[in-house]
C-alpha atoms as a PDB file:
ATOM      1  CA  UNK A   1       0.000   0.000   0.000  1.00  0.00           C
ATOM      2  CA  UNK A   2       1.309   3.397  -0.943  1.00  0.00           C
ATOM      3  CA  UNK A   3       1.835   6.061   1.677  1.00  0.00           C
ATOM      4  CA  UNK A   4       1.218   9.762   1.088  1.00  0.00           C
ATOM      5  CA  UNK A   5       4.023  10.499   3.516  1.00  0.00           C
ATOM      6  CA  UNK A   6       6.450   9.046   0.955  1.00  0.00           C
ATOM      7  CA  UNK A   7       6.119  12.434  -0.747  1.00  0.00           C
ATOM      8  CA  UNK A   8       6.840  14.853   2.068  1.00  0.00           C
ATOM      9  CA  UNK A   9       5.280  18.254   1.439  1.00  0.00           C
ATOM     10  CA  UNK A  10       6.194  21.011   3.854  1.00  0.00           C
ATOM     11  CA  UNK A  11       5.487  24.213   1.917  1.00  0.00           C
ATOM     12  CA  UNK A  12       2.740  25.679  -0.230  1.00  0.00           C
ATOM     13  CA  UNK A  13       5.187  25.851  -3.148  1.00  0.00           C
ATOM     14  CA  UNK A  14       5.913  22.118  -2.934  1.00  0.00           C
ATOM     15  CA  UNK A  15       2.185  21.391  -2.911  1.00  0.00           C
ATOM     16  CA  UNK A  16       1.665  23.585  -5.976  1.00  0.00           C
ATOM     17  CA  UNK A  17       4.523  21.829  -7.791  1.00  0.00           C
ATOM     18  CA  UNK A  18       2.805  18.498  -7.129  1.00  0.00           C
ATOM     19  CA  UNK A  19      -0.414  19.914  -8.569  1.00  0.00           C
ATOM     20  CA  UNK A  20       1.453  20.883 -11.735  1.00  0.00           C
ATOM     21  CA  UNK A  21       3.213  17.529 -11.876  1.00  0.00           C
ATOM     22  CA  UNK A  22      -0.055  15.602 -11.717  1.00  0.00           C
ATOM     23  CA  UNK A  23      -1.421  17.667 -14.618  1.00  0.00           C
ATOM     24  CA  UNK A  24       1.671  16.851 -16.655  1.00  0.00           C
ATOM     25  CA  UNK A  25       1.550  13.168 -15.759  1.00  0.00           C
ATOM     26  CA  UNK A  26      -2.108  12.949 -16.764  1.00  0.00           C
ATOM     27  CA  UNK A  27      -1.252  14.547 -20.111  1.00  0.00           C
ATOM     28  CA  UNK A  28       1.602  12.083 -20.698  1.00  0.00           C
ATOM     29  CA  UNK A  29      -0.296   8.992 -19.532  1.00  0.00           C
ATOM     30  CA  UNK A  30      -1.707   8.095 -22.977  1.00  0.00           C
ATOM     31  CA  UNK A  31       1.738   8.461 -24.551  1.00  0.00           C
ATOM     32  CA  UNK A  32       3.944   6.794 -21.951  1.00  0.00           C
ATOM     33  CA  UNK A  33       1.485   4.371 -20.415  1.00  0.00           C
ATOM     34  CA  UNK A  34       2.196   2.503 -17.228  1.00  0.00           C
ATOM     35  CA  UNK A  35       5.774   3.653 -16.472  1.00  0.00           C
ATOM     36  CA  UNK A  36       4.337   6.950 -15.231  1.00  0.00           C
ATOM     37  CA  UNK A  37       1.225   5.426 -13.656  1.00  0.00           C
ATOM     38  CA  UNK A  38       2.866   4.624 -10.299  1.00  0.00           C
ATOM     39  CA  UNK A  39       4.199   8.166  -9.987  1.00  0.00           C
ATOM     40  CA  UNK A  40       0.773   9.556 -10.916  1.00  0.00           C
ATOM     41  CA  UNK A  41      -0.830   7.467  -8.163  1.00  0.00           C
ATOM     42  CA  UNK A  42       1.780   8.630  -5.644  1.00  0.00           C
ATOM     43  CA  UNK A  43       1.297  12.285  -6.500  1.00  0.00           C
ATOM     44  CA  UNK A  44      -2.512  12.065  -6.460  1.00  0.00           C
ATOM     45  CA  UNK A  45      -2.399  10.353  -3.060  1.00  0.00           C
ATOM     46  CA  UNK A  46      -0.067  13.011  -1.661  1.00  0.00           C
ATOM     47  CA  UNK A  47      -2.295  15.801  -2.980  1.00  0.00           C
ATOM     48  CA  UNK A  48      -5.304  14.245  -1.263  1.00  0.00           C
ATOM     49  CA  UNK A  49      -3.376  13.763   1.961  1.00  0.00           C
ATOM     50  CA  UNK A  50      -2.089  17.341   2.118  1.00  0.00           C
ATOM     51  CA  UNK A  51      -5.173  19.043   0.654  1.00  0.00           C
ATOM     52  CA  UNK A  52      -6.581  20.112   4.026  1.00  0.00           C
ATOM     53  CA  UNK A  53      -3.253  21.636   5.019  1.00  0.00           C
ATOM     54  CA  UNK A  54      -2.604  23.641   1.842  1.00  0.00           C
ATOM     55  CA  UNK A  55      -6.022  24.217   0.242  1.00  0.00           C
ATOM     56  CA  UNK A  56      -8.554  26.209   2.201  1.00  0.00           C
END
């Protein structure tokens, strides 16, 4: 099971970079397929985990 804490986010800027990364990964998914899928899952999980802290 993946852990959101694997991607430690301590600042608003880091959270925003993850938001941008997930957009890019979603765009690349059809082209690159599964190699990026694990990273996409990790980033989405981290965004959910930290959402309350950085999105109000």
